[in-house]
Structures are given as C-alpha cells and as structure tokens.
Amino acid sequence: MAIVELLNQDMKQAMKDKDKVKLGVIRMVKASMQNEAIKLQKDALSEEEELTVLARELKQRKDSLHEFKEAEREDLVSKLEDEIKIIQAYMPEQLSDEELEEVVVQTIEEVQAQSKKDMGKVMSALMPKVKGKAEGSRVNQLVQKNLS
C-alpha cells in the first residue's frame, strides 16, 4: 500500500479517535507530499519520492528537537517527540549497524574506492540503496570509517 493511501486511512481514524496530534502531523506530511508533487509537476509521487518527503519531515523535526533541548524547552520537546514517533511509523524499518556496515563495505568494493577522495563516489552509489532505511549522517560516518 502506498504511503499516501496509508496516511489517508490513518487520517480518517485519527479524526474518529479525535487524536489532534496525529491528525495534525498527518495533515502536515500530506501537505508536504502535495507540495512536492506540485514542484515536480506530477499527479502522484513515486514511493521513493514519498520516502524522501517523509525523511525530510523527520529530519526537520529531529533538528528542531535538538535545538529545543539545548534551549531547555521541555514543553516543545515532548510535542516534537510525539510527532517524530508518528512520522517514524510510516518509514521503512531502519537498518541495524551491522546491516548498514555490510552495505557500506559492499558498495566500497563495487565502486573500487581507495581513499577518502572517493567519498562522493561511494555516497552517490550508496544513498539510493539505503534511502529511508538509514540517516545520511550515520551512513557518512560509516563510509569515512571504512575508507580510512
């Protein structure tokens, strides 16, 4: 089932349950997906594009969460943590460190990378493989570790 269809289903359920937080998050995500479709001049997004939008929404909230924690705004921190949990429910299961390490090593061998100079080549080959399944910063750290 496409992510948009799942969002529509869950939005109806959130309305029935009067779950304002979940409803608000789902509406924001759907709006982001519609904006992305308009930007790309498409009627509907592919699953990969939907994952890109979800990942972007998740990253924005995680960045904000970090800022709010530094500012000691506990009221906003708990709200954002709830939003992050809701969005993560629509993301594919994240790769474990071992699985991610395996994919990184495989990709380094595929592109025959030798040093950190080949970082861009490795990342461009690797990111489509792990899209939505691992954060870019985690991938970046593992690539650097394996290239040094």
C-alpha atoms as a PDB file:
ATOM      1  CA  MET A   1       0.000   0.000   0.000  1.00  0.00           C
ATOM      2  CA  ALA A   2       1.326   3.434  -0.935  1.00  0.00           C
ATOM      3  CA  ILE A   3       2.275   5.776   1.885  1.00  0.00           C
ATOM      4  CA  VAL A   4      -0.349   8.333   0.790  1.00  0.00           C
ATOM      5  CA  GLU A   5      -3.105   5.730   0.994  1.00  0.00           C
ATOM      6  CA  LEU A   6      -1.918   4.701   4.450  1.00  0.00           C
ATOM      7  CA  LEU A   7      -1.853   8.355   5.517  1.00  0.00           C
ATOM      8  CA  ASN A   8      -5.426   8.828   4.259  1.00  0.00           C
ATOM      9  CA  GLN A   9      -6.579   5.765   6.173  1.00  0.00           C
ATOM     10  CA  ASP A  10      -4.848   6.848   9.371  1.00  0.00           C
ATOM     11  CA  MET A  11      -6.141  10.405   8.980  1.00  0.00           C
ATOM     12  CA  LYS A  12      -9.731   9.123   8.937  1.00  0.00           C
ATOM     13  CA  GLN A  13      -9.028   7.004  12.000  1.00  0.00           C
ATOM     14  CA  ALA A  14      -7.388   9.935  13.823  1.00  0.00           C
ATOM     15  CA  MET A  15     -10.495  12.026  13.098  1.00  0.00           C
ATOM     16  CA  LYS A  16     -12.728   9.300  14.533  1.00  0.00           C
ATOM     17  CA  ASP A  17     -10.461   8.934  17.579  1.00  0.00           C
ATOM     18  CA  LYS A  18     -10.237  12.737  17.975  1.00  0.00           C
ATOM     19  CA  ASP A  19      -6.429  12.405  18.085  1.00  0.00           C
ATOM     20  CA  LYS A  20      -5.477  16.000  17.280  1.00  0.00           C
ATOM     21  CA  VAL A  21      -1.716  15.488  17.425  1.00  0.00           C
ATOM     22  CA  LYS A  22      -1.698  12.569  14.991  1.00  0.00           C
ATOM     23  CA  LEU A  23      -4.203  14.300  12.733  1.00  0.00           C
ATOM     24  CA  GLY A  24      -2.072  17.460  12.630  1.00  0.00           C
ATOM     25  CA  VAL A  25       1.115  15.552  11.811  1.00  0.00           C
ATOM     26  CA  ILE A  26      -0.571  13.516   9.075  1.00  0.00           C
ATOM     27  CA  ARG A  27      -2.026  16.668   7.523  1.00  0.00           C
ATOM     28  CA  MET A  28       1.401  18.348   7.547  1.00  0.00           C
ATOM     29  CA  VAL A  29       3.030  15.332   5.912  1.00  0.00           C
ATOM     30  CA  LYS A  30       0.277  15.090   3.293  1.00  0.00           C
ATOM     31  CA  ALA A  31       0.646  18.805   2.546  1.00  0.00           C
ATOM     32  CA  SER A  32       4.403  18.359   2.115  1.00  0.00           C
ATOM     33  CA  MET A  33       3.788  15.485  -0.283  1.00  0.00           C
ATOM     34  CA  GLN A  34       1.295  17.536  -2.287  1.00  0.00           C
ATOM     35  CA  ASN A  35       3.735  20.441  -2.443  1.00  0.00           C
ATOM     36  CA  GLU A  36       6.471  18.088  -3.647  1.00  0.00           C
ATOM     37  CA  ALA A  37       4.146  16.688  -6.343  1.00  0.00           C
ATOM     38  CA  ILE A  38       3.328  20.216  -7.495  1.00  0.00           C
ATOM     39  CA  LYS A  39       7.015  21.125  -7.500  1.00  0.00           C
ATOM     40  CA  LEU A  40       7.813  18.048  -9.603  1.00  0.00           C
ATOM     41  CA  GLN A  41       4.757  18.696 -11.804  1.00  0.00           C
ATOM     42  CA  LYS A  42       3.300  15.249 -11.146  1.00  0.00           C
ATOM     43  CA  ASP A  43      -0.138  13.985 -10.180  1.00  0.00           C
ATOM     44  CA  ALA A  44       1.271  11.432  -7.745  1.00  0.00           C
ATOM     45  CA  LEU A  45       4.656  10.781  -6.185  1.00  0.00           C
ATOM     46  CA  SER A  46       6.536   7.515  -6.520  1.00  0.00           C
ATOM     47  CA  GLU A  47       7.176   5.561  -3.339  1.00  0.00           C
ATOM     48  CA  GLU A  48      10.804   6.712  -3.380  1.00  0.00           C
ATOM     49  CA  GLU A  49       9.712  10.361  -3.608  1.00  0.00           C
ATOM     50  CA  GLU A  50       7.228   9.806  -0.774  1.00  0.00           C
ATOM     51  CA  LEU A  51      10.050   8.390   1.351  1.00  0.00           C
ATOM     52  CA  THR A  52      12.180  11.416   0.531  1.00  0.00           C
ATOM     53  CA  VAL A  53       9.442  13.733   1.796  1.00  0.00           C
ATOM     54  CA  LEU A  54       8.962  11.644   4.950  1.00  0.00           C
ATOM     55  CA  ALA A  55      12.701  11.612   5.610  1.00  0.00           C
ATOM     56  CA  ARG A  56      12.851  15.396   5.157  1.00  0.00           C
ATOM     57  CA  GLU A  57       9.954  15.921   7.593  1.00  0.00           C
ATOM     58  CA  LEU A  58      11.598  13.601  10.108  1.00  0.00           C
ATOM     59  CA  LYS A  59      14.968  15.340   9.803  1.00  0.00           C
ATOM     60  CA  GLN A  60      13.385  18.781  10.292  1.00  0.00           C
ATOM     61  CA  ARG A  61      11.736  17.613  13.490  1.00  0.00           C
ATOM     62  CA  LYS A  62      14.898  15.965  14.787  1.00  0.00           C
ATOM     63  CA  ASP A  63      16.869  19.155  14.133  1.00  0.00           C
ATOM     64  CA  SER A  64      14.216  21.190  15.938  1.00  0.00           C
ATOM     65  CA  LEU A  65      14.200  18.688  18.796  1.00  0.00           C
ATOM     66  CA  HIS A  66      17.951  19.183  19.238  1.00  0.00           C
ATOM     67  CA  GLU A  67      17.510  22.976  19.296  1.00  0.00           C
ATOM     68  CA  PHE A  68      14.643  22.815  21.786  1.00  0.00           C
ATOM     69  CA  LYS A  69      16.607  20.520  24.098  1.00  0.00           C
ATOM     70  CA  GLU A  70      19.504  22.986  24.084  1.00  0.00           C
ATOM     71  CA  ALA A  71      17.095  25.813  24.888  1.00  0.00           C
ATOM     72  CA  GLU A  72      15.538  23.652  27.644  1.00  0.00           C
ATOM     73  CA  ARG A  73      12.036  23.983  26.191  1.00  0.00           C
ATOM     74  CA  GLU A  74      10.570  20.772  27.616  1.00  0.00           C
ATOM     75  CA  ASP A  75       7.040  21.701  26.534  1.00  0.00           C
ATOM     76  CA  LEU A  76       8.117  21.732  22.877  1.00  0.00           C
ATOM     77  CA  VAL A  77      10.439  18.741  23.248  1.00  0.00           C
ATOM     78  CA  SER A  78       7.655  16.365  24.273  1.00  0.00           C
ATOM     79  CA  LYS A  79       5.396  17.602  21.445  1.00  0.00           C
ATOM     80  CA  LEU A  80       8.143  17.054  18.863  1.00  0.00           C
ATOM     81  CA  GLU A  81       8.983  13.609  20.242  1.00  0.00           C
ATOM     82  CA  ASP A  82       5.339  12.613  19.708  1.00  0.00           C
ATOM     83  CA  GLU A  83       5.452  13.944  16.132  1.00  0.00           C
ATOM     84  CA  ILE A  84       8.678  12.051  15.428  1.00  0.00           C
ATOM     85  CA  LYS A  85       7.122   8.779  16.636  1.00  0.00           C
ATOM     86  CA  ILE A  86       4.122   9.307  14.360  1.00  0.00           C
ATOM     87  CA  ILE A  87       6.275  10.001  11.280  1.00  0.00           C
ATOM     88  CA  GLN A  88       8.621   7.099  12.027  1.00  0.00           C
ATOM     89  CA  ALA A  89       5.647   4.746  11.875  1.00  0.00           C
ATOM     90  CA  TYR A  90       5.457   5.419   8.102  1.00  0.00           C
ATOM     91  CA  MET A  91       9.179   4.994   7.470  1.00  0.00           C
ATOM     92  CA  PRO A  92      10.633   1.624   6.463  1.00  0.00           C
ATOM     93  CA  GLU A  93      12.414  -0.255   9.223  1.00  0.00           C
ATOM     94  CA  GLN A  94      15.843   1.209   9.876  1.00  0.00           C
ATOM     95  CA  LEU A  95      18.916  -0.877   9.111  1.00  0.00           C
ATOM     96  CA  SER A  96      20.892  -2.132  12.098  1.00  0.00           C
ATOM     97  CA  ASP A  97      24.509  -1.033  12.414  1.00  0.00           C
ATOM     98  CA  GLU A  98      25.706  -4.443  11.211  1.00  0.00           C
ATOM     99  CA  GLU A  99      23.426  -4.444   8.157  1.00  0.00           C
ATOM    100  CA  LEU A 100      24.406  -0.887   7.281  1.00  0.00           C
ATOM    101  CA  GLU A 101      28.114  -1.693   7.691  1.00  0.00           C
ATOM    102  CA  GLU A 102      27.677  -4.636   5.319  1.00  0.00           C
ATOM    103  CA  VAL A 103      26.030  -2.466   2.647  1.00  0.00           C
ATOM    104  CA  VAL A 104      28.741   0.201   3.053  1.00  0.00           C
ATOM    105  CA  VAL A 105      31.582  -2.315   2.655  1.00  0.00           C
ATOM    106  CA  GLN A 106      29.869  -3.901  -0.364  1.00  0.00           C
ATOM    107  CA  THR A 107      29.402  -0.528  -2.045  1.00  0.00           C
ATOM    108  CA  ILE A 108      33.011   0.499  -1.382  1.00  0.00           C
ATOM    109  CA  GLU A 109      34.133  -2.694  -3.115  1.00  0.00           C
ATOM    110  CA  GLU A 110      31.683  -2.155  -6.016  1.00  0.00           C
ATOM    111  CA  VAL A 111      32.953   1.339  -6.807  1.00  0.00           C
ATOM    112  CA  GLN A 112      36.544   0.317  -6.018  1.00  0.00           C
ATOM    113  CA  ALA A 113      37.085   3.204  -3.636  1.00  0.00           C
ATOM    114  CA  GLN A 114      40.586   3.500  -2.204  1.00  0.00           C
ATOM    115  CA  SER A 115      40.653   6.603  -0.023  1.00  0.00           C
ATOM    116  CA  LYS A 116      38.571   9.453   1.340  1.00  0.00           C
ATOM    117  CA  LYS A 117      38.958  11.127  -2.066  1.00  0.00           C
ATOM    118  CA  ASP A 118      36.422   8.590  -3.355  1.00  0.00           C
ATOM    119  CA  MET A 119      33.863   9.542  -0.689  1.00  0.00           C
ATOM    120  CA  GLY A 120      31.500  11.237  -3.157  1.00  0.00           C
ATOM    121  CA  LYS A 121      31.566   8.267  -5.500  1.00  0.00           C
ATOM    122  CA  VAL A 122      30.735   5.884  -2.637  1.00  0.00           C
ATOM    123  CA  MET A 123      27.979   8.094  -1.202  1.00  0.00           C
ATOM    124  CA  SER A 124      26.272   8.600  -4.575  1.00  0.00           C
ATOM    125  CA  ALA A 125      26.202   4.829  -5.142  1.00  0.00           C
ATOM    126  CA  LEU A 126      25.211   4.042  -1.556  1.00  0.00           C
ATOM    127  CA  MET A 127      22.424   6.520  -0.735  1.00  0.00           C
ATOM    128  CA  PRO A 128      19.836   5.112  -3.171  1.00  0.00           C
ATOM    129  CA  LYS A 129      20.358   1.672  -1.596  1.00  0.00           C
ATOM    130  CA  VAL A 130      19.655   2.863   1.946  1.00  0.00           C
ATOM    131  CA  LYS A 131      17.136   5.640   1.225  1.00  0.00           C
ATOM    132  CA  GLY A 132      14.730   5.890   4.138  1.00  0.00           C
ATOM    133  CA  LYS A 133      16.418   2.994   5.911  1.00  0.00           C
ATOM    134  CA  ALA A 134      19.319   4.926   7.444  1.00  0.00           C
ATOM    135  CA  GLU A 135      20.126   8.541   8.224  1.00  0.00           C
ATOM    136  CA  GLY A 136      22.664  10.229   5.995  1.00  0.00           C
ATOM    137  CA  SER A 137      24.876  11.195   8.934  1.00  0.00           C
ATOM    138  CA  ARG A 138      25.096   7.560  10.077  1.00  0.00           C
ATOM    139  CA  VAL A 139      25.944   6.447   6.535  1.00  0.00           C
ATOM    140  CA  ASN A 140      28.540   9.201   6.191  1.00  0.00           C
ATOM    141  CA  GLN A 141      30.296   8.176   9.437  1.00  0.00           C
ATOM    142  CA  LEU A 142      30.460   4.527   8.397  1.00  0.00           C
ATOM    143  CA  VAL A 143      31.810   5.374   4.949  1.00  0.00           C
ATOM    144  CA  GLN A 144      34.509   7.590   6.451  1.00  0.00           C
ATOM    145  CA  LYS A 145      35.430   4.864   8.948  1.00  0.00           C
ATOM    146  CA  ASN A 146      35.715   2.229   6.230  1.00  0.00           C
ATOM    147  CA  LEU A 147      37.655   4.437   3.828  1.00  0.00           C
ATOM    148  CA  SER A 148      40.339   5.423   6.349  1.00  0.00           C
END
